[in-house]
């Protein structure tokens, strides 16, 4: 069993970090971002549970005792703001006015969709974060915003200037925070200190060019410090990270489309690309969560339909019926098992997976089929150890 941080990188709370005077990172889910103003505190993201809030606020109160004036949602993904009730309860306990909850207007649509698809979201999250489905609420505990905005919103009337900026990227409802006097940018879900999270296998489409546009707008602000959604503030190579990531995303778009125009399919494209080191071998493009293959697949998916161009899959049989037919057609099933093991022993784990699926997907408890499933589980564990992406590791270990 892996430790909690390995099972789910969203769960590890971290102590309050001072970014600059009156500006803090409060480690709840990602970097909750705190800004002190003359009107009170802005809190961006309240974490995955009200249970975490008392300890987090006690830690924050060692740095500032100002009341919380606003709570802003960095974006509408589940879990980032399940802790709202804890913050509201703390304000009531202190006798402070109720904080105003602010989000981009698109959060409302996302929250409604998540309420409609709560069971699906729990199922997907259980796979991606390696937890039991029962660990995720059947009905998301969502608190809808009191106030929304479209393009930008300036908070407060005196003192420190705080601007909320629409930053479409991982989602279409991302809010970044820009402090022009200090030139500090909280990049929110648009800035994650790794390759942009485009094309995650279990999620809806994400537009890499839209994300690149947002990063270029960030760069135009000329920030001296950027605070990512995850990770430490960056004070060096800030512009290079922003514009370099944008260039990498545009390169991917152009190269994938060029191959689509030649009639290539996704499997061919994935193995035809030659990634420029100056764009992709950078610390901010590390494949710790996402993966370049994911981005390629999302670009293909955005320009093509669901069909993989194999006529067999146009109107397929039920998966178990098709798998049984394939297994029954193999007269020497022991040879399939032997070949898969040969490929495994030669280090060709992915090829071994393709071979073993001839048997492993079949229903029933025939000894060769059971053996194939066991071998496939072993192969998936080997593949999990070969990839740096947390999401890929999770899905290999389902």
Protein backbone atom coordinates (compact mmCIF):
# COMPACT_ATOMS: atom_id res chain seq x y z
CA UNK A 1 0.00 0.00 0.00
CA UNK A 2 1.36 3.41 -0.96
CA UNK A 3 1.24 6.30 1.46
CA UNK A 4 -1.53 8.89 1.43
CA UNK A 5 0.43 11.45 -0.56
CA UNK A 6 1.11 8.87 -3.28
CA UNK A 7 -2.50 7.66 -3.32
CA UNK A 8 -3.90 11.15 -3.61
CA UNK A 9 -1.71 14.25 -4.01
CA UNK A 10 -4.73 16.44 -3.20
CA UNK A 11 -4.95 15.38 0.45
CA UNK A 12 -1.75 16.54 2.08
CA UNK A 13 -2.23 19.78 4.03
CA UNK A 14 0.81 22.00 4.35
CA UNK A 15 1.63 24.81 6.83
CA UNK A 16 1.02 28.43 5.94
CA UNK A 17 3.78 29.94 3.80
CA UNK A 18 4.48 33.67 3.53
CA UNK A 19 4.81 34.70 -0.13
CA UNK A 20 5.24 38.41 0.68
CA UNK A 21 4.03 40.69 3.48
CA UNK A 22 0.29 40.10 3.83
CA UNK A 23 0.25 37.40 1.13
CA UNK A 24 0.15 33.71 2.03
CA UNK A 25 -0.20 30.17 0.76
CA UNK A 26 -2.50 28.08 2.94
CA UNK A 27 -2.01 24.42 2.06
CA UNK A 28 -5.45 22.82 1.85
CA UNK A 29 -6.14 21.38 -1.58
CA UNK A 30 -3.38 22.83 -3.69
CA UNK A 31 -2.25 26.32 -2.74
CA UNK A 32 -5.13 28.14 -1.14
CA UNK A 33 -4.08 31.76 -1.68
CA UNK A 34 -4.61 34.43 0.97
CA UNK A 35 -4.33 38.19 0.43
CA UNK A 36 -4.63 40.74 3.22
CA UNK A 37 -6.39 43.99 2.30
CA UNK A 38 -7.70 46.99 4.23
CA UNK A 39 -11.19 45.49 3.93
CA UNK A 40 -10.17 42.03 5.19
CA UNK A 41 -8.80 38.80 3.75
CA UNK A 42 -9.36 37.29 0.35
CA UNK A 43 -9.24 33.49 0.56
CA UNK A 44 -8.94 31.59 -2.71
CA UNK A 45 -10.13 28.00 -2.19
CA UNK A 46 -11.30 26.49 1.08
CA UNK A 47 -10.10 22.89 0.72
CA UNK A 48 -11.67 19.44 0.47
CA UNK A 49 -13.48 19.34 3.82
CA UNK A 50 -14.71 21.59 6.65
CA UNK A 51 -12.86 19.25 9.03
CA UNK A 52 -9.52 20.60 7.83
CA UNK A 53 -10.49 24.25 8.26
CA UNK A 54 -10.01 24.81 12.05
CA UNK A 55 -6.38 23.66 12.02
CA UNK A 56 -5.66 25.54 8.79
CA UNK A 57 -7.15 28.76 10.15
CA UNK A 58 -5.35 28.37 13.47
CA UNK A 59 -2.14 28.19 11.49
CA UNK A 60 -3.08 31.22 9.40
CA UNK A 61 -4.04 33.22 12.51
CA UNK A 62 -0.41 33.08 13.64
CA UNK A 63 0.23 35.48 10.75
CA UNK A 64 -2.93 37.60 10.58
CA UNK A 65 -6.11 38.04 12.58
CA UNK A 66 -7.95 40.03 9.91
CA UNK A 67 -11.52 38.95 9.15
CA UNK A 68 -12.23 37.06 5.96
CA UNK A 69 -13.99 39.45 3.57
CA UNK A 70 -14.14 37.35 0.38
CA UNK A 71 -13.89 33.69 -0.58
CA UNK A 72 -13.06 33.14 -4.25
CA UNK A 73 -13.17 29.85 -6.14
CA UNK A 74 -10.07 29.19 -8.22
CA UNK A 75 -12.20 26.96 -10.50
CA UNK A 76 -15.14 24.62 -10.30
CA UNK A 77 -13.45 21.23 -9.92
CA UNK A 78 -14.85 19.09 -7.15
CA UNK A 79 -13.20 19.23 -3.75
CA UNK A 80 -11.43 22.55 -3.97
CA UNK A 81 -14.19 24.34 -2.08
CA UNK A 82 -15.94 21.75 0.02
CA UNK A 83 -14.51 23.54 3.06
CA UNK A 84 -16.62 26.69 2.61
CA UNK A 85 -18.92 25.78 5.50
CA UNK A 86 -15.94 25.70 7.86
CA UNK A 87 -14.88 29.22 6.86
CA UNK A 88 -18.42 30.56 7.21
CA UNK A 89 -18.77 28.94 10.62
CA UNK A 90 -15.49 30.50 11.74
CA UNK A 91 -16.64 33.96 10.66
CA UNK A 92 -19.88 33.50 12.61
CA UNK A 93 -18.00 32.29 15.69
CA UNK A 94 -15.75 35.37 15.56
CA UNK A 95 -18.70 37.70 15.07
CA UNK A 96 -17.39 38.77 11.65
CA UNK A 97 -19.70 39.57 8.72
CA UNK A 98 -20.38 36.63 6.43
CA UNK A 99 -17.70 36.51 3.68
CA UNK A 100 -18.91 37.07 0.12
CA UNK A 101 -18.33 34.05 -2.11
CA UNK A 102 -17.13 34.94 -5.61
CA UNK A 103 -16.53 32.80 -8.69
CA UNK A 104 -16.37 33.09 -12.44
CA UNK A 105 -19.83 32.85 -13.96
CA UNK A 106 -19.05 29.50 -15.61
CA UNK A 107 -18.65 27.83 -12.21
CA UNK A 108 -22.42 27.88 -11.80
CA UNK A 109 -22.93 25.78 -14.94
CA UNK A 110 -20.20 23.36 -13.88
CA UNK A 111 -21.66 22.95 -10.40
CA UNK A 112 -25.06 22.15 -11.88
CA UNK A 113 -23.49 19.54 -14.19
CA UNK A 114 -21.63 17.94 -11.29
CA UNK A 115 -24.85 17.75 -9.27
CA UNK A 116 -26.48 15.96 -12.21
CA UNK A 117 -23.57 13.54 -12.70
CA UNK A 118 -22.56 13.00 -9.07
CA UNK A 119 -22.39 9.21 -9.37
CA UNK A 120 -20.23 9.40 -12.47
CA UNK A 121 -17.90 11.93 -10.87
CA UNK A 122 -17.45 9.69 -7.82
CA UNK A 123 -16.68 6.73 -10.06
CA UNK A 124 -14.10 8.68 -12.08
CA UNK A 125 -12.49 10.15 -8.98
CA UNK A 126 -12.24 6.74 -7.34
CA UNK A 127 -10.18 5.53 -10.32
CA UNK A 128 -8.04 8.63 -10.71
CA UNK A 129 -7.22 9.03 -7.01
CA UNK A 130 -7.15 5.32 -6.00
CA UNK A 131 -9.84 5.49 -3.37
CA UNK A 132 -13.12 3.69 -2.77
CA UNK A 133 -16.08 5.22 -4.53
CA UNK A 134 -17.79 5.52 -1.15
CA UNK A 135 -15.09 8.01 -0.10
CA UNK A 136 -16.61 10.54 -2.48
CA UNK A 137 -19.99 12.16 -1.76
CA UNK A 138 -22.89 10.93 -3.92
CA UNK A 139 -24.23 14.49 -3.86
CA UNK A 140 -21.42 17.07 -4.07
CA UNK A 141 -21.53 19.49 -1.09
CA UNK A 142 -21.45 22.53 -3.31
CA UNK A 143 -21.91 26.10 -2.09
CA UNK A 144 -22.92 28.28 -5.01
CA UNK A 145 -21.28 31.72 -5.26
CA UNK A 146 -23.00 34.87 -4.04
CA UNK A 147 -21.39 36.92 -6.81
CA UNK A 148 -20.02 36.07 -10.25
CA UNK A 149 -18.02 37.98 -12.84
CA UNK A 150 -17.21 37.55 -16.54
CA UNK A 151 -13.79 39.02 -17.42
CA UNK A 152 -12.30 40.64 -14.33
CA UNK A 153 -13.23 42.00 -10.93
CA UNK A 154 -11.35 44.42 -8.66
CA UNK A 155 -11.82 43.89 -4.94
CA UNK A 156 -11.72 46.62 -2.33
CA UNK A 157 -11.78 50.37 -2.61
CA UNK A 158 -8.61 51.48 -0.83
CA UNK A 159 -5.12 50.17 -0.20
CA UNK A 160 -3.82 47.06 -1.92
CA UNK A 161 -5.23 46.48 -5.40
CA UNK A 162 -6.54 42.93 -5.92
CA UNK A 163 -7.79 41.86 -9.34
CA UNK A 164 -9.59 38.62 -10.12
CA UNK A 165 -8.92 37.62 -13.73
CA UNK A 166 -10.72 35.07 -15.87
CA UNK A 167 -8.01 32.59 -16.92
CA UNK A 168 -9.58 29.81 -19.05
CA UNK A 169 -7.17 26.88 -19.10
CA UNK A 170 -7.72 23.57 -17.35
CA UNK A 171 -11.37 24.61 -17.11
CA UNK A 172 -13.41 27.44 -18.58
CA UNK A 173 -14.09 28.91 -15.13
CA UNK A 174 -10.60 29.54 -13.73
CA UNK A 175 -9.96 32.64 -11.62
CA UNK A 176 -6.41 33.95 -11.27
CA UNK A 177 -5.39 36.72 -8.85
CA UNK A 178 -3.19 39.62 -9.90
CA UNK A 179 -1.60 42.03 -7.43
CA UNK A 180 -0.25 44.80 -9.69
CA UNK A 181 1.50 46.80 -6.98
CA UNK A 182 3.59 43.79 -5.90
CA UNK A 183 3.57 42.18 -9.39
CA UNK A 184 2.54 38.88 -7.81
CA UNK A 185 0.35 36.51 -9.80
CA UNK A 186 -1.56 33.58 -8.39
CA UNK A 187 -1.92 31.49 -11.53
CA UNK A 188 -4.60 29.16 -10.14
CA UNK A 189 -5.40 26.06 -12.22
CA UNK A 190 -3.73 27.67 -15.25
CA UNK A 191 -0.31 27.28 -13.63
CA UNK A 192 0.63 23.93 -12.13
CA UNK A 193 4.47 23.62 -12.39
CA UNK A 194 4.17 20.64 -14.75
CA UNK A 195 2.94 19.98 -18.27
CA UNK A 196 -0.56 21.48 -18.57
CA UNK A 197 -3.26 19.03 -17.57
CA UNK A 198 -4.84 18.69 -21.02
CA UNK A 199 -6.38 15.41 -22.14
CA UNK A 200 -6.65 13.65 -18.78
CA UNK A 201 -8.06 10.22 -19.72
CA UNK A 202 -11.25 10.45 -17.67
CA UNK A 203 -12.19 14.08 -18.29
CA UNK A 204 -13.86 16.28 -20.85
CA UNK A 205 -12.01 18.17 -23.59
CA UNK A 206 -9.54 20.91 -22.66
CA UNK A 207 -8.31 23.37 -25.25
CA UNK A 208 -4.49 23.72 -25.32
CA UNK A 209 -4.56 26.89 -27.46
CA UNK A 210 -6.96 28.59 -25.05
CA UNK A 211 -4.58 27.63 -22.24
CA UNK A 212 -1.63 29.03 -24.22
CA UNK A 213 -3.51 32.30 -24.75
CA UNK A 214 -4.03 32.60 -21.00
CA UNK A 215 -0.34 32.00 -20.28
CA UNK A 216 0.62 34.68 -22.80
CA UNK A 217 -1.75 37.12 -21.09
CA UNK A 218 -0.06 36.25 -17.80
CA UNK A 219 3.35 36.91 -19.33
CA UNK A 220 2.16 40.30 -20.62
CA UNK A 221 1.50 41.33 -17.00
CA UNK A 222 5.26 40.91 -16.40
CA UNK A 223 4.92 39.31 -12.95
CA UNK A 224 7.96 39.11 -10.71
CA UNK A 225 6.51 36.20 -8.72
CA UNK A 226 4.02 33.54 -9.77
CA UNK A 227 2.28 31.21 -7.36
CA UNK A 228 1.09 28.00 -9.01
CA UNK A 229 -1.93 25.96 -8.01
CA UNK A 230 0.51 23.31 -6.80
CA UNK A 231 4.12 23.84 -5.81
CA UNK A 232 6.31 26.67 -4.60
CA UNK A 233 6.26 30.30 -5.75
CA UNK A 234 8.55 30.91 -8.70
CA UNK A 235 10.75 33.99 -8.70
CA UNK A 236 13.16 33.03 -11.47
CA UNK A 237 12.52 32.34 -15.17
CA UNK A 238 8.94 33.48 -14.67
CA UNK A 239 8.44 34.84 -18.17
CA UNK A 240 10.31 31.92 -19.72
CA UNK A 241 8.05 29.43 -17.97
CA UNK A 242 4.86 31.20 -19.06
CA UNK A 243 5.79 31.83 -22.68
CA UNK A 244 7.70 28.55 -23.04
CA UNK A 245 4.71 26.51 -21.91
CA UNK A 246 2.47 28.46 -24.28
CA UNK A 247 4.86 27.77 -27.18
CA UNK A 248 4.92 24.07 -26.34
CA UNK A 249 1.14 23.87 -26.40
CA UNK A 250 0.96 25.68 -29.74
CA UNK A 251 3.69 23.43 -31.15
CA UNK A 252 1.64 20.38 -30.17
CA UNK A 253 -1.47 21.78 -31.78
CA UNK A 254 0.31 22.60 -35.05
CA UNK A 255 2.17 19.29 -35.30
CA UNK A 256 -0.83 17.12 -34.49
CA UNK A 257 -3.06 18.96 -36.96
CA UNK A 258 -0.39 18.65 -39.66
CA UNK A 259 -0.46 14.88 -39.21
CA UNK A 260 -4.25 14.74 -39.12
CA UNK A 261 -4.23 16.56 -42.44
CA UNK A 262 -2.06 13.73 -43.82
CA UNK A 263 -4.64 11.15 -42.74
CA UNK A 264 -2.71 9.80 -39.77
CA UNK A 265 -4.61 8.29 -36.83
CA UNK A 266 -3.87 8.89 -33.18
CA UNK A 267 -1.67 5.82 -32.65
CA UNK A 268 0.52 6.85 -35.57
CA UNK A 269 0.71 10.46 -34.42
CA UNK A 270 1.73 9.50 -30.88
CA UNK A 271 4.79 7.71 -32.21
CA UNK A 272 5.65 10.13 -35.00
CA UNK A 273 6.22 13.30 -33.00
CA UNK A 274 9.80 14.44 -32.27
CA UNK A 275 9.54 16.74 -29.27
CA UNK A 276 11.95 19.72 -29.23
CA UNK A 277 14.10 19.60 -26.11
CA UNK A 278 14.05 23.38 -25.71
CA UNK A 279 10.27 23.22 -25.21
CA UNK A 280 9.67 19.93 -23.46
CA UNK A 281 12.79 19.21 -21.44
CA UNK A 282 12.12 21.98 -18.96
CA UNK A 283 11.30 21.64 -15.24
CA UNK A 284 7.88 23.25 -15.74
CA UNK A 285 7.00 20.63 -18.38
CA UNK A 286 7.61 17.61 -16.14
CA UNK A 287 5.07 14.83 -16.65
CA UNK A 288 4.31 14.35 -12.97
CA UNK A 289 0.52 14.50 -13.36
CA UNK A 290 -0.34 15.03 -17.01
CA UNK A 291 1.48 13.68 -20.05
CA UNK A 292 2.31 14.87 -23.56
CA UNK A 293 0.42 11.85 -24.95
CA UNK A 294 -2.70 13.12 -23.19
CA UNK A 295 -2.39 16.49 -24.92
CA UNK A 296 -2.00 14.82 -28.31
CA UNK A 297 -5.10 12.72 -27.75
CA UNK A 298 -7.21 15.72 -26.74
CA UNK A 299 -6.16 17.63 -29.87
CA UNK A 300 -7.11 14.64 -32.03
CA UNK A 301 -10.39 14.27 -30.15
CA UNK A 302 -11.20 17.94 -30.66
CA UNK A 303 -10.93 17.58 -34.43
CA UNK A 304 -12.31 14.08 -34.99
CA UNK A 305 -15.16 11.94 -33.70
CA UNK A 306 -15.20 8.98 -31.37
CA UNK A 307 -14.45 6.40 -34.08
CA UNK A 308 -10.92 4.97 -34.27
CA UNK A 309 -11.23 4.25 -38.04
CA UNK A 310 -11.39 0.49 -37.48
CA UNK A 311 -14.63 -0.77 -39.10
CA UNK A 312 -14.86 -3.51 -36.46
CA UNK A 313 -15.51 -0.86 -33.83
CA UNK A 314 -18.20 1.06 -35.71
CA UNK A 315 -21.08 -1.07 -34.38
CA UNK A 316 -19.35 -3.42 -31.93
CA UNK A 317 -20.68 -6.42 -30.07
CA UNK A 318 -21.02 -6.25 -26.32
CA UNK A 319 -17.50 -6.19 -24.84
CA UNK A 320 -17.83 -9.56 -23.10
CA UNK A 321 -19.35 -11.18 -26.20
CA UNK A 322 -16.57 -9.85 -28.44
CA UNK A 323 -13.86 -10.90 -25.98
CA UNK A 324 -15.32 -14.40 -25.70
CA UNK A 325 -15.37 -14.75 -29.50
CA UNK A 326 -11.72 -13.72 -29.76
CA UNK A 327 -10.64 -16.11 -27.00
CA UNK A 328 -12.61 -18.98 -28.49
CA UNK A 329 -10.94 -18.43 -31.87
CA UNK A 330 -7.51 -19.08 -30.38
CA UNK A 331 -6.76 -22.77 -30.59
CA UNK A 332 -3.49 -22.57 -28.67
CA UNK A 333 -4.21 -20.30 -25.73
CA UNK A 334 -1.09 -21.47 -23.92
CA UNK A 335 0.94 -20.00 -26.78
CA UNK A 336 -0.66 -16.60 -26.19
CA UNK A 337 0.33 -16.74 -22.52
CA UNK A 338 3.84 -17.84 -23.42
CA UNK A 339 4.27 -15.07 -25.98
CA UNK A 340 3.08 -12.43 -23.53
CA UNK A 341 5.62 -13.64 -21.00
CA UNK A 342 8.38 -13.61 -23.62
CA UNK A 343 7.61 -9.99 -24.42
CA UNK A 344 7.49 -9.11 -20.72
CA UNK A 345 10.87 -10.74 -20.12
CA UNK A 346 12.29 -8.86 -23.10
CA UNK A 347 11.14 -5.57 -21.58
CA UNK A 348 8.34 -5.09 -24.14
CA UNK A 349 5.64 -4.66 -21.52
CA UNK A 350 3.23 -2.65 -23.67
CA UNK A 351 3.39 -5.20 -26.48
CA UNK A 352 2.78 -7.94 -23.93
CA UNK A 353 -0.38 -6.12 -22.86
CA UNK A 354 -1.67 -6.07 -26.42
CA UNK A 355 -1.09 -9.82 -26.70
CA UNK A 356 -2.56 -10.79 -23.34
CA UNK A 357 -5.80 -8.94 -24.09
CA UNK A 358 -6.59 -11.69 -26.59
CA UNK A 359 -7.49 -13.74 -23.52
CA UNK A 360 -7.66 -11.46 -20.50
CA UNK A 361 -10.83 -9.64 -21.54
CA UNK A 362 -12.85 -12.84 -22.00
CA UNK A 363 -15.53 -13.69 -19.42
CA UNK A 364 -15.68 -16.88 -17.40
CA UNK A 365 -13.26 -18.82 -15.24
CA UNK A 366 -11.47 -21.01 -17.74
CA UNK A 367 -7.94 -21.58 -16.35
CA UNK A 368 -6.18 -19.91 -19.31
CA UNK A 369 -8.42 -16.85 -19.01
CA UNK A 370 -7.85 -16.56 -15.25
CA UNK A 371 -4.11 -16.92 -15.81
CA UNK A 372 -4.26 -14.21 -18.49
CA UNK A 373 -5.99 -11.81 -16.10
CA UNK A 374 -3.34 -12.44 -13.47
CA UNK A 375 -0.59 -11.85 -15.99
CA UNK A 376 -2.28 -8.67 -17.19
CA UNK A 377 -2.39 -7.36 -13.61
CA UNK A 378 1.35 -8.00 -13.35
CA UNK A 379 1.98 -6.22 -16.66
CA UNK A 380 -0.10 -3.23 -15.61
CA UNK A 381 1.93 -2.92 -12.40
CA UNK A 382 5.11 -2.96 -14.48
CA UNK A 383 3.73 -0.23 -16.75
CA UNK A 384 2.74 1.82 -13.71
CA UNK A 385 6.36 1.77 -12.57
CA UNK A 386 7.50 2.94 -16.01
CA UNK A 387 5.42 6.13 -16.14
CA UNK A 388 5.94 9.40 -14.28
CA UNK A 389 2.31 10.54 -14.57
CA UNK A 390 0.30 10.07 -11.38
CA UNK A 391 -2.88 9.65 -13.40
CA UNK A 392 -1.40 6.93 -15.60
CA UNK A 393 -0.13 5.09 -12.55
CA UNK A 394 -3.58 5.24 -11.01
CA UNK A 395 -5.32 3.86 -14.08
CA UNK A 396 -2.83 1.03 -14.51
CA UNK A 397 -3.62 0.03 -10.92
CA UNK A 398 -7.42 -0.02 -11.16
